[in-house]
Amino acid sequence: MNGTVPSIDIPADPDRPFLLAADIDGTLLGDEEGETWLRKFARRHRRGLLLAVVTGRRSASVLGLVDDGRLPRPDFIFGEVGTDLVDCRGGEIALRERYEALVPRDWNPDAIHELGTGEGVRPQEFPDGRPRFQAGFDWDGRPETLAALRDRLAGVAGGKILPSGGTYIDVLPAAMGKGGAVRFLQRELALDPDSVVVAGDSGNDREMFETGFRGILPSNATEELRSAAGGPQHYRSPFPAARGVLDGLRHFGFVASDDEASMERLTVRCAGADDAGRLAEIGAETFADTFAADNTPGNMAAYLAEQFGPQIQARELADPQTVFLIAESGGDAAGYARLKFGAAPDSIPGKKPVEIVRFYARKAWIGKGVGSQLMLASLAEAERAGCDTVWLDVWERNPRAIAFYRKWGFRESGTQAFRLGEDVQHDLLMARPVDDIPAGIS
């Protein structure tokens, strides 16, 4: 899904660098717009950022991505699932040597491949030759074949067995791997643990999230990783790949916006049962602010009583087909969106639509990016749920809202009646594909 990342531009404290240790595919790459913003941030503010890529790729492949302009030049590369260290800061080999000194003297990947091969487990093919310390296997995903592998390798000292995705198994020196790589860097650079953040999207990134450091999961993270990384130090972004990483850096306070209209941090989260009262208050307030001048007091009062109240919103929150997304800054709610999955009017295209039932920004926050944040989060949620169309209805006499939705690629797809008290009004139906955000969105 293309689109614009949140407004993020400045390291929160350039004199106190932080370490971002991140996977590449699906984390730093996989979202073209986010990749552009990430490169811009890294290029402008290298003094405040130490970047380590921790990946299954080989270092030559990583440097190829840098040369192609897709990836910012990292300070450190931990390739081959965190077992091969390249210090990109100046060609020093001392750091690499200290890392490799952690490997047991008798570590032998060839012998591990030979011992480990069995039913459902076969050595991976490495076209450029086998890695020095990583022993990789293709796996059929069955627990019994994994258990048999563990039995065959029981005599191998100083190693660990890491299955991922039901497809691969890596056998690595115990002190290495993705988690070991991040711990090693934190010690070597003498960084405060609070100055370290990891980011990943799949099962083989799990070790990084078990280090105790803060962690960022983009919206495209696999269920395998999401189920393993649910600690209070882990942040699940509503944005994919690089946009999710940037959003996470903002969430943890590593970066701040240089947009004076958005100096306070704005985040989006899924609402829970405890938010019913807050949602009722915001809904009634914003609806009245927007429509009271164009409708009679009696009709407004009837509609507000029918649609908003803690018990009403509590029922909506309990609906398994409904998701509420709240935009907040400093603990204060700036607006929210309500999404509802299910059937749509016949004029709405697509096989699996989702409706934006409500889309509200508080008056004080209009023009400060709340709508864009909520729309990006809504589209990310729709994509996560496998929907192909997002639709909504909007009053035909609300030109500001219509213009906003058109900017986001929504197009008219019919009309329907809307009852406000005793007044029957006409709404436009508008729809757009989930995966096609127009260029120039901000």
Protein backbone atom coordinates (compact mmCIF):
# COMPACT_ATOMS: atom_id res chain seq x y z
CA MET A 1 0.00 0.00 0.00
CA ASN A 2 1.46 3.37 -0.99
CA GLY A 3 0.93 6.57 0.97
CA THR A 4 2.54 9.17 3.19
CA VAL A 5 4.25 8.49 6.50
CA PRO A 6 3.44 10.57 9.55
CA SER A 7 5.26 13.91 9.80
CA ILE A 8 8.52 12.80 11.40
CA ASP A 9 11.75 14.63 10.81
CA ILE A 10 14.00 15.46 13.77
CA PRO A 11 15.91 13.26 16.26
CA ALA A 12 14.46 14.11 19.65
CA ASP A 13 17.99 14.59 21.08
CA PRO A 14 20.72 14.76 18.40
CA ASP A 15 23.42 14.82 21.11
CA ARG A 16 22.21 11.47 22.48
CA PRO A 17 22.32 9.02 19.55
CA PHE A 18 20.01 6.03 19.54
CA LEU A 19 20.50 2.62 17.92
CA LEU A 20 17.87 1.30 15.53
CA ALA A 21 18.46 -2.41 14.84
CA ALA A 22 16.08 -3.56 12.13
CA ASP A 23 15.34 -6.35 9.73
CA ILE A 24 15.29 -5.35 6.06
CA ASP A 25 12.65 -7.17 4.00
CA GLY A 26 9.15 -6.28 5.19
CA THR A 27 10.54 -3.91 7.81
CA LEU A 28 12.78 -1.26 6.22
CA LEU A 29 11.72 -2.31 2.72
CA GLY A 30 8.30 -3.17 1.34
CA ASP A 31 6.61 0.24 1.49
CA GLU A 32 7.91 2.56 -1.24
CA GLU A 33 6.68 5.82 0.26
CA GLY A 34 8.01 4.90 3.68
CA GLU A 35 11.37 3.94 2.20
CA THR A 36 11.68 7.43 0.74
CA TRP A 37 10.97 9.07 4.10
CA LEU A 38 13.35 6.74 5.91
CA ARG A 39 16.21 7.56 3.53
CA LYS A 40 15.48 11.27 3.89
CA PHE A 41 15.49 11.05 7.66
CA ALA A 42 18.73 9.03 7.76
CA ARG A 43 20.46 11.34 5.29
CA ARG A 44 19.59 14.55 7.12
CA HIS A 45 20.13 13.38 10.66
CA ARG A 46 22.95 10.84 10.79
CA ARG A 47 24.36 12.34 13.99
CA GLY A 48 21.34 11.28 15.99
CA LEU A 49 20.94 7.80 14.49
CA LEU A 50 23.02 4.62 14.59
CA LEU A 51 21.52 2.15 12.09
CA ALA A 52 22.19 -1.58 12.24
CA VAL A 53 20.51 -3.91 9.76
CA VAL A 54 20.05 -7.42 11.12
CA THR A 55 19.07 -9.71 8.28
CA GLY A 56 19.20 -13.09 6.62
CA ARG A 57 20.78 -11.44 3.58
CA ARG A 58 24.50 -11.43 2.97
CA SER A 59 26.42 -8.18 3.41
CA ALA A 60 27.07 -7.89 -0.34
CA SER A 61 23.32 -8.01 -0.96
CA VAL A 62 22.71 -5.30 1.65
CA LEU A 63 25.36 -3.04 0.14
CA GLY A 64 23.76 -3.61 -3.26
CA LEU A 65 20.50 -2.20 -1.88
CA VAL A 66 22.43 0.82 -0.59
CA ASP A 67 24.10 1.33 -3.97
CA ASP A 68 20.70 1.08 -5.68
CA GLY A 69 19.42 3.90 -3.47
CA ARG A 70 16.78 1.83 -1.71
CA LEU A 71 18.35 1.57 1.72
CA PRO A 72 20.14 4.16 3.87
CA ARG A 73 23.81 3.30 4.40
CA PRO A 74 23.89 1.47 7.73
CA ASP A 75 26.56 1.83 10.38
CA PHE A 76 26.56 -1.93 10.93
CA ILE A 77 25.45 -4.96 8.94
CA PHE A 78 24.69 -8.23 10.70
CA GLY A 79 24.07 -10.57 7.78
CA GLU A 80 23.42 -14.30 7.55
CA VAL A 81 20.80 -14.19 10.34
CA GLY A 82 22.97 -12.06 12.61
CA THR A 83 26.16 -14.12 12.35
CA ASP A 84 28.30 -12.01 9.98
CA LEU A 85 29.24 -8.50 11.17
CA VAL A 86 30.43 -5.70 8.90
CA ASP A 87 31.36 -2.37 10.54
CA CYS A 88 30.55 0.20 7.83
CA ARG A 89 31.86 3.20 9.73
CA GLY A 90 35.43 2.99 8.51
CA GLY A 91 36.50 -0.53 7.64
CA GLU A 92 37.58 -1.46 11.17
CA ILE A 93 37.87 -5.21 11.75
CA ALA A 94 38.38 -5.17 15.52
CA LEU A 95 34.63 -5.18 16.21
CA ARG A 96 34.12 -8.10 13.83
CA GLU A 97 36.92 -10.02 15.49
CA ARG A 98 35.42 -9.51 18.95
CA TYR A 99 32.07 -10.72 17.70
CA GLU A 100 33.53 -13.82 16.08
CA ALA A 101 35.43 -14.59 19.27
CA LEU A 102 32.04 -15.50 20.77
CA VAL A 103 31.81 -18.57 18.50
CA PRO A 104 32.87 -21.91 20.04
CA ARG A 105 36.22 -23.09 18.67
CA ASP A 106 34.76 -26.37 17.43
CA TRP A 107 31.72 -24.80 15.69
CA ASN A 108 31.27 -26.59 12.36
CA PRO A 109 28.22 -25.77 10.19
CA ASP A 110 29.09 -28.51 7.68
CA ALA A 111 28.99 -31.12 10.43
CA ILE A 112 25.71 -29.65 11.71
CA HIS A 113 24.20 -29.91 8.23
CA GLU A 114 25.25 -33.54 8.04
CA LEU A 115 23.99 -34.42 11.50
CA GLY A 116 20.77 -32.43 11.15
CA THR A 117 19.56 -33.82 7.84
CA GLY A 118 16.59 -36.14 8.22
CA GLU A 119 12.91 -36.58 7.41
CA GLY A 120 11.36 -33.19 6.62
CA VAL A 121 14.64 -31.35 7.25
CA ARG A 122 17.12 -30.69 4.44
CA PRO A 123 20.10 -28.30 4.19
CA GLN A 124 19.31 -25.01 2.50
CA GLU A 125 20.91 -24.28 -0.83
CA PHE A 126 23.23 -21.27 -0.77
CA PRO A 127 24.18 -20.30 -4.35
CA ASP A 128 27.11 -18.17 -3.13
CA GLY A 129 28.43 -20.85 -0.78
CA ARG A 130 27.47 -21.75 2.75
CA PRO A 131 27.79 -19.09 5.46
CA ARG A 132 30.64 -19.37 7.92
CA PHE A 133 28.54 -19.75 11.08
CA GLN A 134 24.91 -20.21 10.01
CA ALA A 135 23.62 -23.72 9.38
CA GLY A 136 20.32 -23.32 7.56
CA PHE A 137 17.69 -25.97 6.85
CA ASP A 138 14.50 -26.15 4.82
CA TRP A 139 11.76 -27.59 7.02
CA ASP A 140 8.38 -29.17 6.37
CA GLY A 141 6.88 -27.38 9.37
CA ARG A 142 5.92 -30.46 11.38
CA PRO A 143 6.62 -30.40 15.14
CA GLU A 144 7.77 -34.03 15.07
CA THR A 145 10.46 -33.39 12.45
CA LEU A 146 11.69 -30.41 14.49
CA ALA A 147 11.82 -32.58 17.61
CA ALA A 148 13.79 -35.23 15.70
CA LEU A 149 16.27 -32.58 14.56
CA ARG A 150 16.75 -31.44 18.15
CA ASP A 151 17.51 -35.05 19.12
CA ARG A 152 20.06 -35.42 16.31
CA LEU A 153 21.83 -32.22 17.34
CA ALA A 154 21.70 -32.83 21.10
CA GLY A 155 25.47 -33.34 21.19
CA VAL A 156 26.28 -30.01 19.53
CA ALA A 157 27.49 -27.67 22.27
CA GLY A 158 27.20 -23.90 22.26
CA GLY A 159 24.43 -23.63 19.68
CA LYS A 160 20.74 -22.85 19.39
CA ILE A 161 17.98 -24.01 17.07
CA LEU A 162 15.64 -21.35 15.68
CA PRO A 163 12.57 -22.43 13.63
CA SER A 164 10.62 -19.71 11.81
CA GLY A 165 7.58 -19.44 9.60
CA GLY A 166 7.01 -23.18 9.54
CA THR A 167 9.51 -23.24 6.67
CA TYR A 168 13.08 -22.65 7.87
CA ILE A 169 15.33 -23.69 10.72
CA ASP A 170 18.59 -21.93 11.57
CA VAL A 171 21.22 -23.43 13.84
CA LEU A 172 23.51 -20.68 15.13
CA PRO A 173 26.19 -20.10 17.77
CA ALA A 174 24.35 -19.35 21.01
CA ALA A 175 25.87 -15.85 21.41
CA MET A 176 25.04 -14.82 17.84
CA GLY A 177 21.79 -14.51 15.92
CA LYS A 178 19.58 -11.46 15.67
CA GLY A 179 19.10 -11.01 19.39
CA GLY A 180 22.75 -11.67 20.18
CA ALA A 181 23.80 -9.15 17.54
CA VAL A 182 21.77 -6.35 19.15
CA ARG A 183 22.98 -7.18 22.66
CA PHE A 184 26.58 -7.23 21.42
CA LEU A 185 26.27 -3.79 19.82
CA GLN A 186 24.61 -2.29 22.88
CA ARG A 187 27.50 -3.49 25.05
CA GLU A 188 30.24 -2.50 22.60
CA LEU A 189 28.83 0.99 22.06
CA ALA A 190 28.14 1.41 25.78
CA LEU A 191 24.58 2.52 25.03
CA ASP A 192 21.92 2.91 27.66
CA PRO A 193 19.31 0.16 27.04
CA ASP A 194 16.71 2.91 26.70
CA SER A 195 18.67 4.19 23.67
CA VAL A 196 18.12 0.96 21.73
CA VAL A 197 15.08 0.02 19.67
CA VAL A 198 14.54 -3.01 17.42
CA ALA A 199 12.16 -3.49 14.50
CA GLY A 200 11.05 -6.60 12.64
CA ASP A 201 8.13 -8.24 10.90
CA SER A 202 8.54 -12.02 10.89
CA GLY A 203 9.23 -15.03 13.09
CA ASN A 204 12.99 -15.00 12.60
CA ASP A 205 13.04 -11.51 14.16
CA ARG A 206 11.62 -12.90 17.39
CA GLU A 207 14.99 -12.99 19.17
CA MET A 208 15.37 -9.23 18.84
CA PHE A 209 12.09 -8.75 20.69
CA GLU A 210 13.27 -11.07 23.48
CA THR A 211 16.23 -8.81 24.33
CA GLY A 212 14.22 -6.53 26.59
CA PHE A 213 14.82 -3.52 24.34
CA ARG A 214 11.94 -1.53 22.94
CA GLY A 215 10.48 -3.05 19.79
CA ILE A 216 8.46 -1.90 16.79
CA LEU A 217 6.13 -4.19 14.83
CA PRO A 218 4.79 -2.71 11.57
CA SER A 219 1.20 -3.53 10.64
CA ASN A 220 2.38 -6.23 8.21
CA ALA A 221 4.11 -8.22 10.99
CA THR A 222 3.26 -11.93 10.90
CA GLU A 223 1.00 -13.48 13.48
CA GLU A 224 3.95 -15.62 14.59
CA LEU A 225 5.84 -12.51 15.67
CA ARG A 226 2.80 -10.61 16.94
CA SER A 227 1.92 -13.46 19.31
CA ALA A 228 5.50 -13.56 20.64
CA ALA A 229 6.06 -9.81 20.97
CA GLY A 230 3.27 -8.54 23.18
CA GLY A 231 5.23 -6.96 26.00
CA PRO A 232 4.69 -3.43 27.32
CA GLN A 233 7.94 -2.40 25.59
CA HIS A 234 6.59 -3.49 22.19
CA TYR A 235 4.65 -1.13 19.93
CA ARG A 236 2.34 -2.33 17.15
CA SER A 237 2.15 0.39 14.53
CA PRO A 238 -0.94 0.82 12.35
CA PHE A 239 1.43 1.53 9.44
CA PRO A 240 3.34 -0.98 7.29
CA ALA A 241 7.09 -1.54 6.89
CA ALA A 242 9.23 1.66 6.93
CA ARG A 243 6.25 3.87 7.76
CA GLY A 244 5.61 1.65 10.76
CA VAL A 245 9.24 1.95 11.85
CA LEU A 246 9.13 5.75 11.64
CA ASP A 247 5.83 5.80 13.49
CA GLY A 248 7.36 3.58 16.17
CA LEU A 249 10.37 5.87 16.56
CA ARG A 250 7.97 8.72 17.13
CA HIS A 251 5.89 6.66 19.56
CA PHE A 252 8.95 5.94 21.71
CA GLY A 253 10.15 9.55 21.57
CA PHE A 254 13.30 8.92 19.51
CA VAL A 255 12.19 11.44 16.90
CA ALA A 256 9.93 14.49 16.88
CA SER A 257 8.17 16.46 14.16
CA ASP A 258 9.48 19.76 12.85
CA ASP A 259 5.95 20.74 11.87
CA GLU A 260 4.94 23.49 14.31
CA ALA A 261 1.29 22.52 13.86
CA SER A 262 2.07 19.01 15.10
CA MET A 263 4.66 19.57 17.81
CA GLU A 264 2.86 17.29 20.22
CA ARG A 265 3.15 13.61 19.41
CA LEU A 266 0.09 12.19 17.67
CA THR A 267 -0.48 8.45 17.77
CA VAL A 268 -3.30 6.16 16.67
CA ARG A 269 -4.40 3.08 18.59
CA CYS A 270 -7.30 0.64 18.65
CA ALA A 271 -9.95 1.54 21.22
CA GLY A 272 -10.95 -0.79 24.02
CA ALA A 273 -13.96 -1.22 26.28
CA ASP A 274 -12.68 1.47 28.67
CA ASP A 275 -12.92 4.04 25.87
CA ALA A 276 -16.72 3.94 25.53
CA GLY A 277 -17.30 7.16 27.46
CA ARG A 278 -14.56 9.00 25.62
CA LEU A 279 -15.88 7.91 22.23
CA ALA A 280 -19.41 9.01 23.15
CA GLU A 281 -18.13 12.42 24.22
CA ILE A 282 -16.02 12.98 21.09
CA GLY A 283 -18.79 11.76 18.80
CA ALA A 284 -21.47 14.02 20.23
CA GLU A 285 -19.12 17.00 20.41
CA THR A 286 -17.79 16.77 16.86
CA PHE A 287 -21.16 15.96 15.29
CA ALA A 288 -22.71 19.00 16.98
CA ASP A 289 -19.78 21.25 16.02
CA THR A 290 -20.09 20.18 12.38
CA PHE A 291 -23.84 20.04 11.81
CA ALA A 292 -25.70 22.05 14.45
CA ALA A 293 -25.73 25.25 12.38
CA ASP A 294 -27.53 23.51 9.49
CA ASN A 295 -30.16 21.58 11.46
CA THR A 296 -32.89 22.33 13.99
CA PRO A 297 -32.15 21.93 17.71
CA GLY A 298 -34.89 19.31 18.01
CA ASN A 299 -33.55 17.13 15.22
CA MET A 300 -29.99 17.47 16.53
CA ALA A 301 -31.02 16.51 20.06
CA ALA A 302 -32.94 13.47 18.83
CA TYR A 303 -30.03 12.23 16.73
CA LEU A 304 -27.40 12.78 19.42
CA ALA A 305 -29.50 10.92 22.01
CA GLU A 306 -29.99 8.04 19.58
CA GLN A 307 -26.37 7.68 18.45
CA PHE A 308 -24.09 8.72 21.31
CA GLY A 309 -23.77 7.64 24.92
CA PRO A 310 -21.40 5.40 26.91
CA GLN A 311 -23.74 2.41 26.71
CA ILE A 312 -24.30 2.89 22.97
CA GLN A 313 -20.59 3.05 22.23
CA ALA A 314 -19.95 0.11 24.59
CA ARG A 315 -22.29 -2.02 22.44
CA GLU A 316 -20.50 -0.87 19.30
CA LEU A 317 -17.11 -1.71 20.82
CA ALA A 318 -18.38 -5.20 21.67
CA ASP A 319 -19.37 -5.83 18.04
CA PRO A 320 -16.74 -8.21 16.56
CA GLN A 321 -17.28 -6.61 13.15
CA THR A 322 -16.34 -3.13 14.43
CA VAL A 323 -12.94 -1.50 15.02
CA PHE A 324 -12.46 1.94 16.59
CA LEU A 325 -9.21 3.84 16.00
CA ILE A 326 -8.43 6.75 18.34
CA ALA A 327 -5.93 9.52 17.51
CA GLU A 328 -4.30 10.90 20.66
CA SER A 329 -1.71 13.47 21.70
CA GLY A 330 -0.33 13.55 25.20
CA GLY A 331 -3.21 11.41 26.44
CA ASP A 332 -5.85 13.71 24.94
CA ALA A 333 -8.11 12.36 22.20
CA ALA A 334 -7.93 14.34 18.94
CA GLY A 335 -10.44 12.29 16.95
CA TYR A 336 -11.48 8.78 15.99
CA ALA A 337 -12.63 6.53 13.16
CA ARG A 338 -15.09 3.67 13.38
CA LEU A 339 -14.73 0.83 10.85
CA LYS A 340 -17.38 -1.83 10.28
CA PHE A 341 -16.82 -4.98 8.25
CA GLY A 342 -19.67 -6.62 6.36
CA ALA A 343 -22.15 -6.07 3.56
CA ALA A 344 -22.28 -2.84 1.57
CA PRO A 345 -24.86 -1.23 -0.75
CA ASP A 346 -25.02 -2.75 -4.23
CA SER A 347 -23.36 0.30 -5.78
CA ILE A 348 -20.16 -0.22 -3.77
CA PRO A 349 -17.52 -2.16 -5.77
CA GLY A 350 -15.27 -4.89 -4.43
CA LYS A 351 -15.65 -8.38 -2.98
CA LYS A 352 -14.71 -7.60 0.64
CA PRO A 353 -15.67 -4.03 1.59
CA VAL A 354 -15.25 -2.23 4.91
CA GLU A 355 -17.20 0.90 5.87
CA ILE A 356 -15.82 3.95 7.63
CA VAL A 357 -18.96 4.59 9.67
CA ARG A 358 -17.61 7.62 11.51
CA PHE A 359 -14.57 9.78 10.89
CA TYR A 360 -14.26 12.61 13.40
CA ALA A 361 -11.58 15.18 14.27
CA ARG A 362 -12.10 17.53 17.17
CA LYS A 363 -12.43 21.19 16.23
CA ALA A 364 -9.10 22.21 17.80
CA TRP A 365 -7.29 19.56 15.74
CA ILE A 366 -8.74 20.28 12.29
CA GLY A 367 -5.93 21.07 9.87
CA LYS A 368 -3.24 19.47 12.07
CA GLY A 369 -2.96 16.09 10.40
CA VAL A 370 -5.49 14.11 12.45
CA GLY A 371 -7.54 13.21 9.38
CA SER A 372 -4.48 11.96 7.50
CA GLN A 373 -3.29 9.91 10.47
CA LEU A 374 -6.70 8.34 10.94
CA MET A 375 -7.12 7.65 7.23
CA LEU A 376 -3.70 5.98 6.99
CA ALA A 377 -4.52 3.87 10.05
CA SER A 378 -7.96 2.98 8.63
CA LEU A 379 -6.47 1.87 5.33
CA ALA A 380 -3.79 -0.13 7.13
CA GLU A 381 -6.48 -1.86 9.22
CA ALA A 382 -8.51 -2.59 6.08
CA GLU A 383 -5.44 -4.05 4.39
CA ARG A 384 -4.62 -6.16 7.45
CA ALA A 385 -8.15 -7.59 7.37
CA GLY A 386 -7.83 -8.48 3.67
CA CYS A 387 -10.44 -5.98 2.47
CA ASP A 388 -10.30 -4.67 -1.10
CA THR A 389 -12.62 -1.63 -0.84
CA VAL A 390 -13.20 1.12 1.71
CA TRP A 391 -16.47 3.03 1.53
CA LEU A 392 -18.38 5.69 3.47
CA ASP A 393 -21.30 8.08 3.22
CA VAL A 394 -21.04 11.84 3.55
CA TRP A 395 -23.70 14.55 3.62
CA GLU A 396 -24.06 16.14 0.21
CA ARG A 397 -23.91 19.60 1.88
CA ASN A 398 -20.54 18.99 3.56
CA PRO A 399 -18.08 20.23 0.89
CA ARG A 400 -15.04 20.22 3.19
CA ALA A 401 -15.42 16.53 3.98
CA ILE A 402 -16.16 15.64 0.35
CA ALA A 403 -12.99 17.44 -0.77
CA PHE A 404 -10.93 15.58 1.86
CA TYR A 405 -12.25 12.20 0.78
CA ARG A 406 -11.68 12.99 -2.90
CA LYS A 407 -8.10 13.92 -2.05
CA TRP A 408 -7.73 10.44 -0.58
CA GLY A 409 -9.00 8.77 -3.76
CA PHE A 410 -12.65 8.24 -2.83
CA ARG A 411 -15.09 8.60 -5.71
CA GLU A 412 -18.88 8.89 -5.76
CA SER A 413 -20.63 5.55 -6.02
CA GLY A 414 -24.29 6.35 -5.43
CA THR A 415 -26.52 8.00 -2.83
CA GLN A 416 -28.58 6.95 0.15
CA ALA A 417 -31.03 8.50 2.59
CA PHE A 418 -29.92 9.63 6.05
CA ARG A 419 -32.42 10.40 8.82
CA LEU A 420 -31.55 13.09 11.35
CA GLY A 421 -34.43 13.29 13.79
CA GLU A 422 -37.47 13.92 11.59
CA ASP A 423 -35.46 15.23 8.65
CA VAL A 424 -34.59 12.87 5.80
CA GLN A 425 -31.38 14.02 4.11
CA HIS A 426 -29.26 12.72 1.24
CA ASP A 427 -25.74 11.36 1.56
CA LEU A 428 -23.22 10.60 -1.14
CA LEU A 429 -21.74 7.11 -1.15
CA MET A 430 -18.00 7.21 -1.83
CA ALA A 431 -15.56 4.31 -2.26
CA ARG A 432 -11.91 3.64 -3.10
CA PRO A 433 -9.58 0.64 -3.38
CA VAL A 434 -7.62 -0.24 -0.27
CA ASP A 435 -4.23 -0.43 -1.95
CA ASP A 436 -4.05 2.72 -4.10
CA ILE A 437 -3.28 5.95 -2.24
CA PRO A 438 -2.99 8.91 -4.63
CA ALA A 439 0.32 10.70 -5.02
CA GLY A 440 0.72 14.00 -3.20
CA ILE A 441 -1.18 13.01 -0.06
CA SER A 442 0.04 14.79 3.05
